[in-house]
Amino acid sequence: IMEHYGYARADQHKRVADAGIWVSNNPYYFYELSGPYSKQGLGLERASKISSVGSLEKLKVPLSFHSDYFMAPAEPLLLVWSAVNRINSNGDVLAPEEKLSLFTAMKAVTIDSARSIQREKEIGTIAVGKKADFVLLAENPFKIDPVKIKDIRISATVFEGREFKVD
């Protein structure tokens, strides 16, 4: 697993893919940092490629997401939203070719995150024998405008098999 894979070039993506390396990424970096870094530090062309998860998906590199809480909110749907939409804190969409599919993004916060820490037999999907810790979403992220994903309300949390309603 390559952690903190925030900025890399296309040739480096290819090397990662060829080596069979998994990538753990924080797509919120793009949201928070691409605007400021485009003005100072990286420049617009390079800053727009922060968290180039779309390129990794095309190369079939397995992805998991992490938040680096306190660096980014510990909100998995915000990470999904960031990767799927690539809208930065200035409201700009940069490098839209780096958008990730919703399916891959949802896997990156569920089963592929569990796989990246070798706990996929315990967590990451809902199945008999696994920990029953998950949330119930008020809306299906696959059936709404992707721009609204970060705003999906959690209606309940299921922890150790017990449901806790969220008001």
N, C-alpha and C. Protein backbone atom coordinates (compact mmCIF):
# COMPACT_ATOMS: atom_id res chain seq x y z
N ILE A 1 0.86 -1.18 0.00
CA ILE A 1 0.00 0.00 0.00
C ILE A 1 0.89 1.23 0.00
N MET A 2 0.62 2.15 -0.90
CA MET A 2 1.32 3.42 -0.90
C MET A 2 0.38 4.45 -0.27
N GLU A 3 0.75 4.91 0.90
CA GLU A 3 -0.06 5.89 1.63
C GLU A 3 0.29 7.30 1.16
N HIS A 4 -0.69 8.19 1.28
CA HIS A 4 -0.48 9.63 1.00
C HIS A 4 -0.02 9.87 -0.43
N TYR A 5 -0.61 9.18 -1.35
CA TYR A 5 -0.29 9.34 -2.77
C TYR A 5 -1.09 10.54 -3.27
N GLY A 6 -0.58 11.73 -2.99
CA GLY A 6 -1.33 12.95 -3.27
C GLY A 6 -1.06 13.56 -4.63
N TYR A 7 0.21 13.61 -5.03
CA TYR A 7 0.54 14.17 -6.33
C TYR A 7 1.55 13.26 -7.01
N ALA A 8 1.29 12.92 -8.25
CA ALA A 8 2.21 12.11 -9.03
C ALA A 8 1.93 12.34 -10.51
N ARG A 9 2.93 12.04 -11.30
CA ARG A 9 2.82 12.19 -12.76
C ARG A 9 2.28 10.90 -13.38
N ALA A 10 1.88 10.99 -14.64
CA ALA A 10 1.33 9.83 -15.35
C ALA A 10 2.33 8.67 -15.39
N ASP A 11 3.61 8.96 -15.60
CA ASP A 11 4.61 7.88 -15.65
C ASP A 11 4.74 7.20 -14.28
N GLN A 12 4.55 7.95 -13.22
CA GLN A 12 4.60 7.36 -11.89
C GLN A 12 3.36 6.51 -11.61
N HIS A 13 2.20 6.94 -12.11
CA HIS A 13 1.00 6.12 -12.00
C HIS A 13 1.23 4.77 -12.67
N LYS A 14 1.84 4.80 -13.83
CA LYS A 14 2.10 3.56 -14.58
C LYS A 14 3.05 2.64 -13.81
N ARG A 15 4.06 3.22 -13.20
CA ARG A 15 5.00 2.41 -12.40
C ARG A 15 4.29 1.78 -11.21
N VAL A 16 3.41 2.52 -10.57
CA VAL A 16 2.63 2.00 -9.45
C VAL A 16 1.76 0.83 -9.93
N ALA A 17 1.09 1.02 -11.06
CA ALA A 17 0.23 -0.03 -11.61
C ALA A 17 1.05 -1.27 -11.96
N ASP A 18 2.16 -1.07 -12.64
CA ASP A 18 3.00 -2.20 -13.06
C ASP A 18 3.56 -2.97 -11.88
N ALA A 19 3.80 -2.27 -10.77
CA ALA A 19 4.35 -2.92 -9.57
C ALA A 19 3.27 -3.59 -8.72
N GLY A 20 1.99 -3.39 -9.08
CA GLY A 20 0.91 -4.00 -8.32
C GLY A 20 0.69 -3.36 -6.96
N ILE A 21 0.99 -2.08 -6.86
CA ILE A 21 0.86 -1.37 -5.60
C ILE A 21 -0.55 -0.84 -5.43
N TRP A 22 -1.11 -0.99 -4.25
CA TRP A 22 -2.37 -0.37 -3.88
C TRP A 22 -2.08 1.07 -3.50
N VAL A 23 -3.04 1.96 -3.70
CA VAL A 23 -2.88 3.36 -3.32
C VAL A 23 -3.95 3.74 -2.30
N SER A 24 -3.50 4.34 -1.21
CA SER A 24 -4.40 4.95 -0.24
C SER A 24 -4.31 6.45 -0.44
N ASN A 25 -5.43 7.06 -0.77
CA ASN A 25 -5.45 8.46 -1.17
C ASN A 25 -6.45 9.24 -0.33
N ASN A 26 -6.22 10.52 -0.21
CA ASN A 26 -7.18 11.42 0.41
C ASN A 26 -7.64 12.40 -0.66
N PRO A 27 -8.77 12.14 -1.32
CA PRO A 27 -9.22 13.02 -2.40
C PRO A 27 -9.62 14.41 -1.92
N TYR A 28 -9.79 14.58 -0.63
CA TYR A 28 -10.10 15.90 -0.08
C TYR A 28 -8.92 16.84 -0.28
N TYR A 29 -7.70 16.30 -0.41
CA TYR A 29 -6.54 17.15 -0.70
C TYR A 29 -6.79 18.01 -1.93
N PHE A 30 -7.38 17.39 -2.95
CA PHE A 30 -7.68 18.16 -4.16
C PHE A 30 -8.59 19.32 -3.83
N TYR A 31 -9.67 19.05 -3.10
CA TYR A 31 -10.63 20.09 -2.74
C TYR A 31 -9.94 21.24 -2.01
N GLU A 32 -9.18 20.91 -1.01
CA GLU A 32 -8.61 21.93 -0.13
C GLU A 32 -7.36 22.60 -0.70
N LEU A 33 -6.52 21.86 -1.42
CA LEU A 33 -5.20 22.36 -1.77
C LEU A 33 -5.01 22.78 -3.22
N SER A 34 -5.83 22.30 -4.15
CA SER A 34 -5.57 22.63 -5.56
C SER A 34 -5.70 24.12 -5.86
N GLY A 35 -6.63 24.80 -5.21
CA GLY A 35 -6.77 26.24 -5.42
C GLY A 35 -5.56 27.02 -4.97
N PRO A 36 -5.18 26.92 -3.68
CA PRO A 36 -4.00 27.65 -3.21
C PRO A 36 -2.70 27.23 -3.92
N TYR A 37 -2.51 25.94 -4.13
CA TYR A 37 -1.27 25.47 -4.76
C TYR A 37 -1.19 25.86 -6.24
N SER A 38 -2.34 26.10 -6.86
CA SER A 38 -2.30 26.53 -8.27
C SER A 38 -1.76 27.95 -8.39
N LYS A 39 -1.94 28.73 -7.33
CA LYS A 39 -1.46 30.12 -7.32
C LYS A 39 -0.02 30.22 -6.82
N GLN A 40 0.33 29.35 -5.89
CA GLN A 40 1.66 29.41 -5.31
C GLN A 40 2.13 28.00 -4.98
N GLY A 41 3.25 27.64 -5.47
CA GLY A 41 3.82 26.32 -5.18
C GLY A 41 3.88 25.44 -6.41
N LEU A 42 2.77 24.78 -6.73
CA LEU A 42 2.77 23.84 -7.85
C LEU A 42 2.46 24.47 -9.20
N GLY A 43 1.66 25.52 -9.21
CA GLY A 43 1.16 26.07 -10.47
C GLY A 43 -0.11 25.34 -10.87
N LEU A 44 -0.89 25.96 -11.74
CA LEU A 44 -2.21 25.43 -12.10
C LEU A 44 -2.16 24.03 -12.70
N GLU A 45 -1.28 23.78 -13.64
CA GLU A 45 -1.25 22.48 -14.31
C GLU A 45 -0.98 21.34 -13.33
N ARG A 46 0.01 21.50 -12.48
CA ARG A 46 0.34 20.44 -11.53
C ARG A 46 -0.68 20.37 -10.39
N ALA A 47 -1.14 21.51 -9.90
CA ALA A 47 -2.11 21.51 -8.80
C ALA A 47 -3.42 20.85 -9.21
N SER A 48 -3.79 20.98 -10.47
CA SER A 48 -5.03 20.36 -10.93
C SER A 48 -4.94 18.84 -10.94
N LYS A 49 -3.75 18.30 -10.83
CA LYS A 49 -3.55 16.85 -10.84
C LYS A 49 -3.39 16.24 -9.45
N ILE A 50 -3.57 17.07 -8.39
CA ILE A 50 -3.55 16.50 -7.04
C ILE A 50 -4.63 15.43 -6.94
N SER A 51 -4.32 14.32 -6.32
CA SER A 51 -5.26 13.19 -6.17
C SER A 51 -5.83 12.75 -7.52
N SER A 52 -4.94 12.37 -8.41
CA SER A 52 -5.34 11.93 -9.75
C SER A 52 -5.88 10.50 -9.73
N VAL A 53 -6.96 10.32 -9.03
CA VAL A 53 -7.51 8.98 -8.87
C VAL A 53 -8.16 8.44 -10.14
N GLY A 54 -8.59 9.31 -11.03
CA GLY A 54 -9.15 8.85 -12.30
C GLY A 54 -8.11 8.11 -13.12
N SER A 55 -6.89 8.63 -13.14
CA SER A 55 -5.81 7.95 -13.87
C SER A 55 -5.51 6.60 -13.25
N LEU A 56 -5.54 6.53 -11.93
CA LEU A 56 -5.29 5.26 -11.25
C LEU A 56 -6.39 4.25 -11.55
N GLU A 57 -7.63 4.72 -11.58
CA GLU A 57 -8.75 3.82 -11.90
C GLU A 57 -8.59 3.26 -13.31
N LYS A 58 -8.21 4.10 -14.25
CA LYS A 58 -8.02 3.64 -15.64
C LYS A 58 -6.93 2.57 -15.73
N LEU A 59 -5.93 2.66 -14.85
CA LEU A 59 -4.84 1.68 -14.83
C LEU A 59 -5.17 0.49 -13.93
N LYS A 60 -6.39 0.47 -13.38
CA LYS A 60 -6.86 -0.62 -12.51
C LYS A 60 -6.04 -0.75 -11.23
N VAL A 61 -5.56 0.37 -10.72
CA VAL A 61 -4.85 0.38 -9.43
C VAL A 61 -5.89 0.35 -8.33
N PRO A 62 -5.81 -0.61 -7.42
CA PRO A 62 -6.76 -0.65 -6.30
C PRO A 62 -6.59 0.59 -5.41
N LEU A 63 -7.73 1.18 -5.02
CA LEU A 63 -7.73 2.41 -4.24
C LEU A 63 -8.46 2.25 -2.93
N SER A 64 -7.94 2.89 -1.92
CA SER A 64 -8.68 3.08 -0.68
C SER A 64 -8.54 4.55 -0.30
N PHE A 65 -9.51 5.05 0.45
CA PHE A 65 -9.48 6.45 0.88
C PHE A 65 -9.26 6.53 2.38
N HIS A 66 -8.58 7.58 2.77
CA HIS A 66 -8.41 7.92 4.18
C HIS A 66 -8.60 9.42 4.31
N SER A 67 -8.93 9.88 5.51
CA SER A 67 -9.23 11.30 5.68
C SER A 67 -8.09 12.09 6.29
N ASP A 68 -7.14 11.43 6.95
CA ASP A 68 -6.09 12.15 7.68
C ASP A 68 -6.70 13.11 8.69
N TYR A 69 -7.77 12.69 9.31
CA TYR A 69 -8.41 13.54 10.31
C TYR A 69 -7.33 14.01 11.27
N PHE A 70 -7.15 15.13 11.39
CA PHE A 70 -7.64 16.48 11.36
C PHE A 70 -7.36 17.23 10.05
N MET A 71 -6.63 16.67 9.15
CA MET A 71 -6.35 17.32 7.87
C MET A 71 -7.64 17.49 7.07
N ALA A 72 -8.49 16.52 7.15
CA ALA A 72 -9.77 16.56 6.44
C ALA A 72 -10.82 15.97 7.37
N PRO A 73 -12.07 16.36 7.19
CA PRO A 73 -13.13 15.79 8.03
C PRO A 73 -13.21 14.27 7.88
N ALA A 74 -13.52 13.59 8.94
CA ALA A 74 -13.69 12.14 8.92
C ALA A 74 -15.10 11.83 8.40
N GLU A 75 -15.32 12.13 7.14
CA GLU A 75 -16.63 11.97 6.51
C GLU A 75 -16.45 11.23 5.18
N PRO A 76 -16.66 9.93 5.17
CA PRO A 76 -16.45 9.15 3.96
C PRO A 76 -17.19 9.67 2.73
N LEU A 77 -18.42 10.14 2.91
CA LEU A 77 -19.16 10.65 1.74
C LEU A 77 -18.54 11.92 1.18
N LEU A 78 -17.87 12.69 2.00
CA LEU A 78 -17.16 13.88 1.52
C LEU A 78 -15.96 13.46 0.67
N LEU A 79 -15.29 12.39 1.06
CA LEU A 79 -14.18 11.87 0.26
C LEU A 79 -14.70 11.37 -1.09
N VAL A 80 -15.81 10.65 -1.06
CA VAL A 80 -16.43 10.17 -2.30
C VAL A 80 -16.80 11.36 -3.18
N TRP A 81 -17.48 12.34 -2.61
CA TRP A 81 -17.89 13.55 -3.35
C TRP A 81 -16.67 14.21 -4.00
N SER A 82 -15.60 14.36 -3.24
CA SER A 82 -14.40 15.01 -3.76
C SER A 82 -13.84 14.27 -4.96
N ALA A 83 -13.76 12.95 -4.87
CA ALA A 83 -13.19 12.16 -5.96
C ALA A 83 -14.08 12.11 -7.19
N VAL A 84 -15.37 12.07 -6.98
CA VAL A 84 -16.32 11.93 -8.08
C VAL A 84 -16.55 13.25 -8.83
N ASN A 85 -16.49 14.37 -8.11
CA ASN A 85 -16.82 15.67 -8.72
C ASN A 85 -15.61 16.54 -9.06
N ARG A 86 -14.52 16.43 -8.29
CA ARG A 86 -13.32 17.24 -8.48
C ARG A 86 -13.62 18.74 -8.51
N ILE A 87 -14.44 19.14 -7.57
CA ILE A 87 -14.73 20.57 -7.38
C ILE A 87 -13.85 21.03 -6.22
N ASN A 88 -13.05 22.06 -6.44
CA ASN A 88 -12.17 22.50 -5.36
C ASN A 88 -12.83 23.58 -4.51
N SER A 89 -12.11 24.05 -3.50
CA SER A 89 -12.67 25.01 -2.56
C SER A 89 -12.98 26.36 -3.20
N ASN A 90 -12.44 26.62 -4.38
CA ASN A 90 -12.77 27.83 -5.14
C ASN A 90 -14.02 27.63 -5.99
N GLY A 91 -14.54 26.40 -6.04
CA GLY A 91 -15.69 26.09 -6.88
C GLY A 91 -15.32 25.70 -8.30
N ASP A 92 -14.02 25.53 -8.56
CA ASP A 92 -13.55 25.17 -9.90
C ASP A 92 -13.47 23.66 -10.06
N VAL A 93 -13.80 23.18 -11.24
CA VAL A 93 -13.57 21.78 -11.60
C VAL A 93 -12.27 21.77 -12.40
N LEU A 94 -11.26 21.14 -11.83
CA LEU A 94 -9.96 21.05 -12.50
C LEU A 94 -9.67 19.60 -12.86
N ALA A 95 -9.07 19.40 -14.03
CA ALA A 95 -8.73 18.06 -14.50
C ALA A 95 -9.91 17.10 -14.39
N PRO A 96 -11.01 17.40 -15.08
CA PRO A 96 -12.20 16.53 -14.97
C PRO A 96 -11.92 15.10 -15.43
N GLU A 97 -10.88 14.90 -16.21
CA GLU A 97 -10.53 13.53 -16.62
C GLU A 97 -10.05 12.69 -15.43
N GLU A 98 -9.80 13.34 -14.30
CA GLU A 98 -9.37 12.64 -13.09
C GLU A 98 -10.53 12.28 -12.17
N LYS A 99 -11.76 12.55 -12.61
CA LYS A 99 -12.92 12.15 -11.80
C LYS A 99 -12.95 10.63 -11.69
N LEU A 100 -13.34 10.17 -10.53
CA LEU A 100 -13.44 8.74 -10.27
C LEU A 100 -14.89 8.30 -10.45
N SER A 101 -15.11 7.08 -10.88
CA SER A 101 -16.48 6.58 -10.96
C SER A 101 -17.04 6.45 -9.55
N LEU A 102 -18.33 6.63 -9.42
CA LEU A 102 -18.98 6.52 -8.11
C LEU A 102 -18.81 5.12 -7.53
N PHE A 103 -18.90 4.11 -8.35
CA PHE A 103 -18.76 2.74 -7.88
C PHE A 103 -17.39 2.52 -7.24
N THR A 104 -16.34 2.96 -7.92
CA THR A 104 -14.98 2.81 -7.39
C THR A 104 -14.79 3.64 -6.13
N ALA A 105 -15.36 4.84 -6.11
CA ALA A 105 -15.24 5.70 -4.92
C ALA A 105 -15.94 5.07 -3.71
N MET A 106 -17.11 4.49 -3.92
CA MET A 106 -17.82 3.85 -2.80
C MET A 106 -17.04 2.62 -2.30
N LYS A 107 -16.44 1.88 -3.21
CA LYS A 107 -15.60 0.76 -2.79
C LYS A 107 -14.38 1.25 -2.01
N ALA A 108 -13.87 2.42 -2.38
CA ALA A 108 -12.67 2.96 -1.72
C ALA A 108 -12.92 3.33 -0.26
N VAL A 109 -14.18 3.56 0.11
CA VAL A 109 -14.49 3.86 1.52
C VAL A 109 -15.13 2.67 2.24
N THR A 110 -15.25 1.55 1.55
CA THR A 110 -15.87 0.37 2.17
C THR A 110 -14.94 -0.83 2.01
N ILE A 111 -15.24 -1.73 1.10
CA ILE A 111 -14.51 -2.98 1.00
C ILE A 111 -13.03 -2.79 0.67
N ASP A 112 -12.70 -1.83 -0.18
CA ASP A 112 -11.28 -1.67 -0.53
C ASP A 112 -10.48 -1.02 0.60
N SER A 113 -11.13 -0.22 1.42
CA SER A 113 -10.44 0.27 2.62
C SER A 113 -10.19 -0.89 3.58
N ALA A 114 -11.17 -1.76 3.73
CA ALA A 114 -10.98 -2.94 4.59
C ALA A 114 -9.86 -3.83 4.05
N ARG A 115 -9.83 -4.02 2.73
CA ARG A 115 -8.78 -4.85 2.13
C ARG A 115 -7.40 -4.22 2.35
N SER A 116 -7.34 -2.90 2.28
CA SER A 116 -6.04 -2.24 2.40
C SER A 116 -5.42 -2.41 3.78
N ILE A 117 -6.25 -2.71 4.78
CA ILE A 117 -5.73 -2.98 6.12
C ILE A 117 -5.90 -4.45 6.49
N GLN A 118 -6.16 -5.27 5.49
CA GLN A 118 -6.28 -6.73 5.63
C GLN A 118 -7.34 -7.14 6.66
N ARG A 119 -8.49 -6.44 6.60
CA ARG A 119 -9.59 -6.78 7.51
C ARG A 119 -10.88 -7.04 6.74
N GLU A 120 -10.77 -7.36 5.46
CA GLU A 120 -11.96 -7.55 4.64
C GLU A 120 -12.81 -8.73 5.06
N LYS A 121 -12.28 -9.65 5.85
CA LYS A 121 -13.08 -10.76 6.35
C LYS A 121 -13.93 -10.36 7.54
N GLU A 122 -13.63 -9.18 8.14
CA GLU A 122 -14.35 -8.70 9.32
C GLU A 122 -15.25 -7.51 9.02
N ILE A 123 -14.81 -6.63 8.13
CA ILE A 123 -15.50 -5.36 7.88
C ILE A 123 -15.48 -5.04 6.38
N GLY A 124 -16.16 -3.99 6.00
CA GLY A 124 -16.11 -3.50 4.62
C GLY A 124 -17.32 -3.82 3.78
N THR A 125 -18.02 -4.88 4.11
CA THR A 125 -19.27 -5.24 3.44
C THR A 125 -20.21 -5.80 4.50
N ILE A 126 -21.46 -5.91 4.14
CA ILE A 126 -22.46 -6.47 5.05
C ILE A 126 -22.63 -7.94 4.67
N ALA A 127 -22.25 -8.81 5.60
CA ALA A 127 -22.36 -10.25 5.36
C ALA A 127 -22.43 -10.98 6.70
N VAL A 128 -23.02 -12.14 6.68
CA VAL A 128 -23.10 -12.97 7.88
C VAL A 128 -21.69 -13.24 8.39
N GLY A 129 -21.51 -13.03 9.69
CA GLY A 129 -20.22 -13.28 10.31
C GLY A 129 -19.31 -12.07 10.40
N LYS A 130 -19.67 -10.97 9.72
CA LYS A 130 -18.87 -9.75 9.80
C LYS A 130 -19.45 -8.84 10.86
N LYS A 131 -18.63 -7.87 11.29
CA LYS A 131 -19.11 -6.87 12.24
C LYS A 131 -20.28 -6.12 11.61
N ALA A 132 -21.32 -5.94 12.35
CA ALA A 132 -22.50 -5.24 11.84
C ALA A 132 -22.42 -3.77 12.21
N ASP A 133 -21.39 -3.10 11.71
CA ASP A 133 -21.21 -1.67 11.95
C ASP A 133 -21.30 -0.95 10.61
N PHE A 134 -22.36 -0.16 10.42
CA PHE A 134 -22.54 0.57 9.17
C PHE A 134 -23.55 1.67 9.38
N VAL A 135 -23.73 2.50 8.37
CA VAL A 135 -24.73 3.56 8.45
C VAL A 135 -25.81 3.30 7.41
N LEU A 136 -27.00 3.81 7.68
CA LEU A 136 -28.10 3.79 6.73
C LEU A 136 -28.21 5.21 6.17
N LEU A 137 -28.11 5.33 4.87
CA LEU A 137 -28.17 6.63 4.22
C LEU A 137 -29.61 6.98 3.88
N ALA A 138 -29.93 8.25 3.97
CA ALA A 138 -31.29 8.72 3.66
C ALA A 138 -31.56 8.70 2.16
N GLU A 139 -30.50 8.71 1.35
CA GLU A 139 -30.65 8.67 -0.11
C GLU A 139 -29.63 7.72 -0.69
N ASN A 140 -29.94 7.20 -1.85
CA ASN A 140 -29.04 6.32 -2.58
C ASN A 140 -28.07 7.17 -3.39
N PRO A 141 -26.77 7.13 -3.10
CA PRO A 141 -25.82 7.98 -3.83
C PRO A 141 -25.78 7.69 -5.33
N PHE A 142 -26.21 6.51 -5.73
CA PHE A 142 -26.21 6.14 -7.14
C PHE A 142 -27.42 6.69 -7.90
N LYS A 143 -28.38 7.28 -7.17
CA LYS A 143 -29.61 7.76 -7.80
C LYS A 143 -29.82 9.25 -7.66
N ILE A 144 -28.81 9.96 -7.20
CA ILE A 144 -28.94 11.42 -7.06
C ILE A 144 -27.85 12.11 -7.87
N ASP A 145 -27.99 13.41 -8.01
CA ASP A 145 -26.96 14.21 -8.65
C ASP A 145 -25.66 14.05 -7.85
N PRO A 146 -24.55 13.66 -8.48
CA PRO A 146 -23.30 13.46 -7.75
C PRO A 146 -22.84 14.67 -6.93
N VAL A 147 -23.24 15.85 -7.31
CA VAL A 147 -22.85 17.05 -6.56
C VAL A 147 -23.50 17.06 -5.18
N LYS A 148 -24.56 16.29 -4.99
CA LYS A 148 -25.27 16.26 -3.71
C LYS A 148 -24.80 15.15 -2.77
N ILE A 149 -23.85 14.34 -3.20
CA ILE A 149 -23.42 13.19 -2.39
C ILE A 149 -22.96 13.61 -1.00
N LYS A 150 -22.20 14.67 -0.90
CA LYS A 150 -21.67 15.09 0.41
C LYS A 150 -22.78 15.54 1.36
N ASP A 151 -23.96 15.80 0.84
CA ASP A 151 -25.07 16.28 1.66
C ASP A 151 -26.06 15.19 2.06
N ILE A 152 -25.78 13.95 1.68
CA ILE A 152 -26.67 12.85 2.05
C ILE A 152 -26.67 12.73 3.57
N ARG A 153 -27.86 12.68 4.12
CA ARG A 153 -28.03 12.57 5.56
C ARG A 153 -27.93 11.11 5.99
N ILE A 154 -27.34 10.89 7.13
CA ILE A 154 -27.30 9.55 7.72
C ILE A 154 -28.56 9.42 8.57
N SER A 155 -29.38 8.41 8.26
CA SER A 155 -30.64 8.25 9.00
C SER A 155 -30.49 7.35 10.22
N ALA A 156 -29.50 6.46 10.21
CA ALA A 156 -29.26 5.60 11.37
C ALA A 156 -27.85 5.02 11.29
N THR A 157 -27.36 4.65 12.44
CA THR A 157 -26.09 3.92 12.54
C THR A 157 -26.40 2.57 13.14
N VAL A 158 -25.83 1.54 12.57
CA VAL A 158 -25.95 0.20 13.13
C VAL A 158 -24.58 -0.14 13.70
N PHE A 159 -24.55 -0.36 15.00
CA PHE A 159 -23.30 -0.67 15.69
C PHE A 159 -23.47 -1.95 16.48
N GLU A 160 -22.60 -2.91 16.21
CA GLU A 160 -22.66 -4.21 16.85
C GLU A 160 -24.06 -4.82 16.75
N GLY A 161 -24.69 -4.62 15.59
CA GLY A 161 -25.99 -5.21 15.33
C GLY A 161 -27.18 -4.44 15.86
N ARG A 162 -26.94 -3.31 16.56
CA ARG A 162 -28.04 -2.53 17.12
C ARG A 162 -28.18 -1.24 16.34
N GLU A 163 -29.42 -0.89 16.01
CA GLU A 163 -29.69 0.32 15.23
C GLU A 163 -29.89 1.52 16.15
N PHE A 164 -29.24 2.61 15.78
CA PHE A 164 -29.38 3.88 16.50
C PHE A 164 -29.84 4.93 15.49
N LYS A 165 -31.08 5.40 15.66
CA LYS A 165 -31.64 6.43 14.77
C LYS A 165 -30.89 7.74 14.96
N VAL A 166 -30.75 8.46 13.86
CA VAL A 166 -30.15 9.80 13.89
C VAL A 166 -31.26 10.77 13.65
N ASP A 167 -31.40 11.76 14.51
CA ASP A 167 -32.48 12.74 14.36
C ASP A 167 -32.11 13.82 13.38
